[in-house]
Protein backbone atom coordinates (compact mmCIF):
# COMPACT_ATOMS: atom_id res chain seq x y z
CA MET A 1 -8.22 13.67 32.00
CA ALA A 2 -7.44 12.97 28.41
CA GLU A 3 -10.64 12.34 26.14
CA GLU A 4 -11.14 8.24 25.57
CA VAL A 5 -9.97 7.04 22.41
CA PRO A 6 -10.54 3.27 21.02
CA GLY A 7 -6.94 1.65 20.88
CA ILE A 8 -5.33 4.32 23.19
CA ASP A 9 -4.70 3.83 27.18
CA PHE A 10 -3.59 7.34 28.14
CA GLU A 11 -2.68 6.18 31.69
CA LYS A 12 -0.18 3.95 30.42
CA LEU A 13 0.89 5.32 27.20
CA THR A 14 2.26 8.80 28.67
CA PRO A 15 4.54 7.70 31.31
CA TRP A 16 5.97 5.36 28.01
CA PHE A 17 5.87 8.21 25.65
CA ARG A 18 7.80 10.47 28.20
CA GLU A 19 10.23 7.95 28.64
CA HIS A 20 11.02 7.48 25.15
CA VAL A 21 9.79 9.93 23.00
CA ALA A 22 9.49 13.17 24.41
CA GLU A 23 8.74 15.09 27.92
CA VAL A 24 5.07 15.83 27.82
CA ASP A 25 2.94 16.75 30.35
CA SER A 26 -0.28 15.10 28.63
CA LEU A 27 -1.50 13.57 25.38
CA GLU A 28 -4.42 13.76 22.86
CA ALA A 29 -5.14 11.24 20.34
CA THR A 30 -7.15 11.58 16.96
CA VAL A 31 -7.57 8.98 14.26
CA ILE A 32 -6.32 9.62 10.86
CA GLY A 33 -6.05 8.07 7.86
CA HIS A 34 -8.02 6.13 5.18
CA GLY A 35 -6.99 2.65 5.30
CA ARG A 36 -8.92 -0.66 6.77
CA SER A 37 -5.78 -2.45 8.29
CA ASN A 38 -3.18 -0.69 10.43
CA LEU A 39 -4.62 2.63 12.59
CA THR A 40 -2.95 5.63 12.82
CA TYR A 41 -3.47 8.08 15.22
CA ARG A 42 -2.12 11.97 15.39
CA MET A 43 -0.34 12.57 18.99
CA ASP A 44 -0.73 16.14 19.96
CA SER A 45 0.69 17.96 23.23
CA GLU A 46 1.49 21.51 23.67
CA GLY A 47 2.04 22.35 19.86
CA HIS A 48 4.03 19.43 19.22
CA SER A 49 2.75 16.39 17.23
CA TRP A 50 3.59 12.57 16.49
CA VAL A 51 1.88 10.06 14.74
CA LEU A 52 1.46 6.34 16.52
CA ARG A 53 0.83 3.28 14.21
CA ARG A 54 -0.84 -0.08 15.87
CA PRO A 55 -2.56 -3.11 14.89
CA PRO A 56 -6.51 -3.37 13.99
CA LEU A 57 -8.49 -3.56 17.41
CA SER A 58 -9.65 -6.97 16.74
CA HIS A 59 -6.54 -8.13 14.89
CA VAL A 60 -5.92 -12.15 14.63
CA GLN A 61 -2.77 -12.74 12.39
CA ALA A 62 0.08 -10.92 14.31
CA SER A 63 2.27 -11.75 11.18
CA ALA A 64 -0.08 -9.33 9.18
CA HIS A 65 0.39 -6.11 11.53
CA ASP A 66 3.96 -6.74 12.55
CA MET A 67 4.78 -3.08 14.22
CA ASN A 68 8.70 -4.12 14.53
CA ARG A 69 8.88 -4.71 10.74
CA GLU A 70 7.22 -1.53 9.42
CA TYR A 71 9.14 0.41 11.82
CA ARG A 72 12.02 -1.09 10.83
CA VAL A 73 12.02 -0.51 7.06
CA ILE A 74 11.03 3.13 7.59
CA SER A 75 14.04 3.96 10.13
CA ALA A 76 16.52 1.89 7.18
CA LEU A 77 15.04 4.36 4.45
CA ALA A 78 15.85 7.35 6.65
CA ASP A 79 18.89 8.86 4.90
CA THR A 80 17.83 7.58 1.40
CA ASP A 81 16.17 9.39 -1.45
CA VAL A 82 13.12 7.75 -0.68
CA ALA A 83 11.11 9.95 1.97
CA VAL A 84 9.93 8.52 4.88
CA PRO A 85 8.91 9.84 8.17
CA LYS A 86 11.30 10.16 11.01
CA THR A 87 10.87 7.26 13.95
CA TYR A 88 11.37 7.55 17.01
CA ALA A 89 10.63 4.44 19.37
CA VAL A 90 8.90 1.15 19.03
CA CYS A 91 7.19 -0.46 21.75
CA ASP A 92 6.78 -4.46 22.31
CA ASP A 93 5.07 -4.44 25.14
CA ALA A 94 1.23 -5.40 24.50
CA ASP A 95 0.57 -4.03 28.06
CA VAL A 96 0.75 -0.39 27.40
CA ILE A 97 -2.08 0.26 24.91
CA GLY A 98 -3.12 -3.61 24.35
CA ALA A 99 -0.84 -3.94 21.09
CA PRO A 100 2.53 -3.21 20.05
CA PHE A 101 2.95 -0.05 18.59
CA PHE A 102 5.40 2.56 17.45
CA ILE A 103 5.82 6.40 17.28
CA MET A 104 7.23 8.25 14.13
CA GLU A 105 7.36 12.13 12.94
CA HIS A 106 4.13 14.02 11.75
CA VAL A 107 4.67 14.86 8.32
CA GLU A 108 2.87 17.91 7.29
CA GLY A 109 1.07 17.82 3.70
CA LEU A 110 -1.93 16.06 2.22
CA VAL A 111 -2.92 12.54 1.13
CA PRO A 112 -4.30 12.62 -2.36
CA VAL A 113 -7.42 10.66 -1.45
CA ASP A 114 -9.88 13.21 -2.63
CA ALA A 115 -10.05 14.33 -6.06
CA ASN A 116 -11.83 17.60 -5.23
CA ALA A 117 -8.87 18.77 -2.61
CA VAL A 118 -6.30 17.67 -5.02
CA LYS A 119 -8.07 19.60 -8.00
CA GLU A 120 -8.65 22.96 -5.98
CA ARG A 121 -5.17 22.75 -4.05
CA TYR A 122 -2.54 22.07 -7.12
CA THR A 123 -2.40 23.11 -10.67
CA GLU A 124 -2.18 20.94 -13.58
CA LYS A 125 1.61 21.58 -13.89
CA GLN A 126 1.99 20.53 -10.47
CA ARG A 127 -0.33 17.37 -10.60
CA ARG A 128 2.15 16.49 -13.38
CA TYR A 129 5.15 16.40 -11.15
CA MET A 130 3.25 14.71 -8.57
CA GLY A 131 2.71 12.03 -10.57
CA GLU A 132 6.34 11.85 -12.16
CA ARG A 133 7.75 12.18 -8.36
CA LEU A 134 5.46 9.13 -7.45
CA VAL A 135 7.15 7.13 -10.37
CA ASP A 136 10.66 8.86 -9.48
CA THR A 137 10.24 7.58 -5.80
CA LEU A 138 9.69 4.27 -7.00
CA VAL A 139 12.58 3.83 -8.79
CA ALA A 140 14.36 5.14 -6.00
CA LEU A 141 13.57 2.52 -3.94
CA HIS A 142 14.11 -0.31 -6.16
CA THR A 143 17.60 1.43 -7.19
CA LEU A 144 18.57 0.58 -2.90
CA ASN A 145 20.56 -2.12 -2.34
CA PRO A 146 18.80 -3.83 1.13
CA ALA A 147 22.03 -4.65 2.43
CA GLU A 148 23.62 -1.21 2.42
CA VAL A 149 20.66 -0.04 4.07
CA GLY A 150 20.54 -2.80 6.91
CA LEU A 151 17.90 -4.91 5.30
CA GLY A 152 19.76 -7.82 3.53
CA ASP A 153 17.97 -10.24 5.67
CA PHE A 154 14.34 -8.27 5.77
CA GLY A 155 12.83 -10.95 3.10
CA ARG A 156 13.50 -13.87 0.46
CA PRO A 157 13.55 -12.52 -2.89
CA ASP A 158 13.84 -15.67 -4.50
CA GLY A 159 10.38 -17.59 -4.75
CA TYR A 160 8.97 -14.18 -4.13
CA ILE A 161 6.44 -14.69 -6.75
CA GLU A 162 5.60 -18.46 -6.50
CA ARG A 163 5.12 -17.65 -3.06
CA GLN A 164 2.18 -14.81 -3.79
CA VAL A 165 0.65 -16.46 -6.49
CA ARG A 166 0.28 -19.84 -4.05
CA ARG A 167 -0.72 -18.02 -1.26
CA PHE A 168 -3.49 -16.09 -2.80
CA SER A 169 -4.98 -18.89 -5.11
CA ASP A 170 -4.99 -20.79 -1.46
CA GLN A 171 -7.04 -18.21 0.03
CA LEU A 172 -9.22 -17.84 -2.88
CA GLU A 173 -10.38 -21.41 -2.17
CA LYS A 174 -10.91 -20.81 1.40
CA VAL A 175 -13.00 -17.59 1.24
CA LYS A 176 -15.21 -17.63 -1.97
CA THR A 177 -18.72 -17.98 -1.58
CA ARG A 178 -19.60 -17.57 -4.94
CA ASP A 179 -18.47 -18.24 -8.50
CA LEU A 180 -15.38 -16.22 -9.61
CA PRO A 181 -14.67 -17.53 -13.16
CA GLU A 182 -12.46 -14.52 -13.94
CA LEU A 183 -10.49 -15.06 -10.68
CA GLU A 184 -10.69 -18.82 -11.11
CA GLU A 185 -9.04 -18.83 -14.56
CA LEU A 186 -6.37 -16.34 -13.21
CA ALA A 187 -5.66 -18.69 -10.74
CA ARG A 188 -5.20 -21.36 -13.35
CA ARG A 189 -3.08 -19.35 -15.73
CA LEU A 190 -0.57 -17.34 -13.14
CA PRO A 191 1.00 -20.40 -12.05
CA LYS A 192 2.26 -21.12 -15.44
CA ALA A 193 2.92 -17.52 -16.91
CA ILE A 194 5.56 -16.60 -13.74
CA PRO A 195 8.30 -14.92 -14.95
CA GLU A 196 12.14 -16.06 -14.66
CA HIS A 197 13.55 -14.26 -11.32
CA THR A 198 15.82 -11.69 -11.92
CA ASP A 199 16.72 -9.29 -9.13
CA GLY A 200 15.27 -8.82 -6.04
CA THR A 201 14.79 -5.32 -4.24
CA ILE A 202 13.07 -3.86 -1.18
CA VAL A 203 9.29 -3.62 -2.32
CA HIS A 204 6.90 -1.46 -0.73
CA GLY A 205 3.71 -3.99 -1.48
CA ASP A 206 1.06 -1.57 -1.87
CA TYR A 207 2.75 1.40 -3.50
CA ARG A 208 0.06 3.78 -5.05
CA LEU A 209 -0.61 7.77 -4.63
CA ASP A 210 -2.73 7.68 -1.80
CA ASN A 211 -0.19 5.89 0.28
CA THR A 212 1.76 8.69 0.17
CA MET A 213 1.95 12.65 1.58
CA VAL A 214 2.52 15.23 -0.85
CA ASP A 215 3.80 19.21 -0.18
CA ASP A 216 2.28 22.20 -1.16
CA ASP A 217 4.63 21.49 -4.71
CA GLY A 218 3.03 18.43 -5.13
CA ASP A 219 6.37 16.58 -4.36
CA ILE A 220 6.46 13.49 -2.11
CA ALA A 221 6.98 14.55 1.06
CA ALA A 222 6.72 10.94 2.50
CA VAL A 223 5.80 7.39 1.37
CA LEU A 224 3.10 5.70 3.91
CA ASP A 225 2.09 2.22 5.16
CA TRP A 226 5.03 0.06 4.74
CA GLU A 227 3.23 -3.06 6.66
CA MET A 228 3.49 -4.97 3.40
CA SER A 229 6.82 -4.21 2.53
CA THR A 230 9.56 -6.98 1.77
CA LEU A 231 12.17 -8.04 -0.23
CA GLY A 232 11.12 -9.13 -3.48
CA ASP A 233 10.82 -8.54 -7.38
CA PRO A 234 10.50 -5.01 -8.06
CA LEU A 235 8.04 -5.11 -10.98
CA ALA A 236 5.14 -6.56 -8.48
CA ASP A 237 5.05 -3.00 -6.96
CA LEU A 238 4.83 -1.76 -10.86
CA GLY A 239 1.84 -3.73 -11.37
CA ILE A 240 -0.10 -2.61 -8.34
CA LEU A 241 0.59 1.32 -8.81
CA ARG A 242 -0.35 0.33 -12.93
CA MET A 243 -3.94 -1.20 -11.22
CA TYR A 244 -4.29 2.04 -9.41
CA TRP A 245 -3.10 4.32 -12.19
CA ARG A 246 -6.20 4.72 -14.43
CA ASP A 247 -6.28 7.17 -17.09
CA ARG A 248 -8.71 9.41 -18.14
CA ALA A 249 -9.99 7.10 -20.74
CA ASP A 250 -10.71 4.33 -18.86
CA ALA A 251 -13.70 6.26 -16.67
CA SER A 252 -15.84 3.94 -18.49
CA GLU A 253 -14.35 0.99 -16.92
CA GLY A 254 -15.89 1.60 -13.44
CA ALA A 255 -14.03 2.68 -10.48
CA ALA A 256 -12.73 -0.70 -9.27
CA VAL A 257 -10.02 0.87 -6.95
CA ALA A 258 -9.77 3.93 -4.70
CA ASN A 259 -7.78 6.87 -5.97
CA MET A 260 -8.91 6.44 -9.65
CA GLY A 261 -10.48 9.87 -9.51
CA VAL A 262 -7.51 11.59 -8.30
CA ILE A 263 -4.94 10.36 -10.91
CA MET A 264 -7.31 10.55 -13.49
CA LEU A 265 -7.55 14.44 -13.10
CA PRO A 266 -6.07 16.65 -16.00
CA GLY A 267 -2.35 17.37 -15.59
CA PHE A 268 -1.27 13.91 -14.30
CA PRO A 269 0.84 11.79 -16.70
CA SER A 270 -0.76 9.20 -18.93
CA TRP A 271 0.19 5.48 -17.80
CA ASP A 272 2.40 5.15 -20.69
CA GLU A 273 4.14 8.13 -19.65
CA GLY A 274 4.54 6.58 -16.13
CA ARG A 275 5.74 3.33 -17.41
CA ALA A 276 7.94 4.52 -20.18
CA ARG A 277 9.49 7.26 -17.06
CA TYR A 278 10.03 4.27 -14.81
CA GLU A 279 11.88 1.69 -17.89
CA GLU A 280 14.13 4.70 -18.64
CA LYS A 281 15.22 5.48 -14.94
CA SER A 282 15.32 2.28 -13.64
CA GLY A 283 16.70 0.25 -16.87
CA ARG A 284 14.10 -2.95 -16.40
CA SER A 285 12.71 -4.88 -19.59
CA LEU A 286 9.10 -4.26 -18.85
CA GLY A 287 8.40 -6.85 -21.29
CA ASN A 288 6.80 -9.10 -18.60
CA LEU A 289 4.74 -6.45 -17.06
CA ASP A 290 1.32 -7.77 -17.98
CA PHE A 291 2.03 -10.71 -15.58
CA TYR A 292 2.25 -8.38 -12.83
CA ILE A 293 -0.59 -6.28 -13.46
CA ALA A 294 -2.82 -9.45 -14.13
CA LEU A 295 -1.24 -10.75 -10.47
CA ALA A 296 -2.02 -7.19 -8.91
CA ASN A 297 -5.90 -7.22 -10.15
CA PHE A 298 -5.78 -11.02 -8.86
CA LYS A 299 -4.84 -10.45 -5.70
CA LEU A 300 -6.69 -7.18 -4.67
CA GLY A 301 -9.92 -9.39 -6.01
CA VAL A 302 -8.90 -12.04 -3.63
CA ILE A 303 -8.66 -9.33 -0.60
CA LEU A 304 -11.57 -7.75 -1.03
CA GLU A 305 -13.66 -11.22 -1.78
CA ASN A 306 -12.58 -11.75 2.01
CA MET A 307 -13.94 -8.52 2.71
CA HIS A 308 -17.03 -9.01 0.95
CA ALA A 309 -17.45 -12.94 2.57
CA ARG A 310 -17.05 -11.38 5.85
CA PHE A 311 -19.55 -8.39 5.11
CA LYS A 312 -22.45 -11.03 4.12
CA ALA A 313 -21.75 -12.75 6.98
CA GLY A 314 -22.32 -9.85 9.35
CA GLY A 315 -18.79 -9.29 10.29
CA THR A 316 -18.08 -5.69 9.30
CA VAL A 317 -18.68 -2.73 10.78
CA GLY A 318 -18.84 0.86 8.43
CA ALA A 319 -20.03 2.06 5.37
CA GLY A 320 -19.06 0.97 2.22
CA PHE A 321 -18.57 -2.65 2.56
CA GLU A 322 -21.88 -3.39 0.20
CA LEU A 323 -20.02 -2.37 -2.65
CA ILE A 324 -16.86 -4.70 -2.31
CA GLY A 325 -18.55 -7.54 -3.86
CA ASN A 326 -18.91 -5.47 -7.38
CA GLN A 327 -15.35 -4.02 -7.09
CA VAL A 328 -14.12 -7.76 -6.81
CA LEU A 329 -15.86 -8.46 -10.26
CA LEU A 330 -14.34 -5.46 -12.01
CA LEU A 331 -10.93 -6.65 -10.69
CA ALA A 332 -11.42 -10.03 -12.08
CA ARG A 333 -12.55 -8.77 -15.38
CA THR A 334 -9.64 -6.18 -15.77
CA GLY A 335 -7.10 -8.89 -14.45
CA LEU A 336 -8.17 -11.55 -17.15
CA ALA A 337 -8.76 -8.93 -19.83
CA VAL A 338 -5.03 -7.99 -19.34
CA ALA A 339 -4.06 -11.48 -19.53
CA ASP A 340 -6.25 -12.11 -22.49
CA ALA A 341 -4.42 -9.44 -24.23
CA SER A 342 -1.03 -10.30 -23.15
CA SER A 343 1.77 -11.49 -25.45
CA ILE A 344 2.93 -14.09 -22.79
CA PRO A 345 1.19 -17.24 -24.31
CA ALA A 346 0.81 -19.01 -20.88
CA LEU A 347 -0.60 -15.66 -19.50
CA ARG A 348 -3.38 -15.96 -22.33
CA GLY A 349 -3.96 -19.76 -21.67
CA ALA A 350 -2.20 -20.99 -24.59
């Protein structure tokens, strides 16, 4: 009898698995990953491993945890230069484990979220390569023609940024439980500074180092966590990457983002080097990048303020939520500082 695991019903899952994935006598499940959104399990049977992805146990917004959508984009990228796990099957029947889910390959490697582990495992030369490949993979994603990989109808790139600004500005008004002048000022400035739409590509939506898996050489073995992917402005991904890509000289600013300690290790390229590499390889102008960086800080600030509000109301479980309120303030101040120093007049509030 398999050990009980929250979110997994072995009695129903095992026969489904036999029919759609592989002939197995039994399955074992272990929760893996470090995110607070979709749940990830390693599934093991007789020396073979797979990964199961499903929504959170208490999810309330099905559209935010669309398993078919994540399965579709990962499957579409299988034969491209963007490394992704192989997909096996998707299940829409919530009766099997209580929610839709999909099965994909278990990729061997390390999710680079622990600075000590990365420091011990990789040389400075390998860390530099890791940072360069992080940029190169994003360029490869943004170079793809969505229609050519079957994703021509995956989103609406026109108006993508306007919808993002409006959505998160509306959310701020709904979730805030305190005065947040920096976020409120960004909500005022961002709509007036939206750059002119240029092109639409596949965007990851949360592109950062610890949403990848790296191999023994430091190369990107797989890009993970595609739940926010769509068609939109590629520079939105670059703004998010910058938010998480802090230079060693930034240490005094405080750890507002999760993998700051990893990318600040000796060997990793500086942000200026990463930015220049993206600009050269993609051929895109980054003259308006300040807007996308400010937007990234604003969005994450709003998301974390919602978590902070739930924590204050007693609606969260687990460690670390007590720190989120301060992270909101750090993100808000960083975003406004970027706006204040920008060459874009409307972003400066001029």
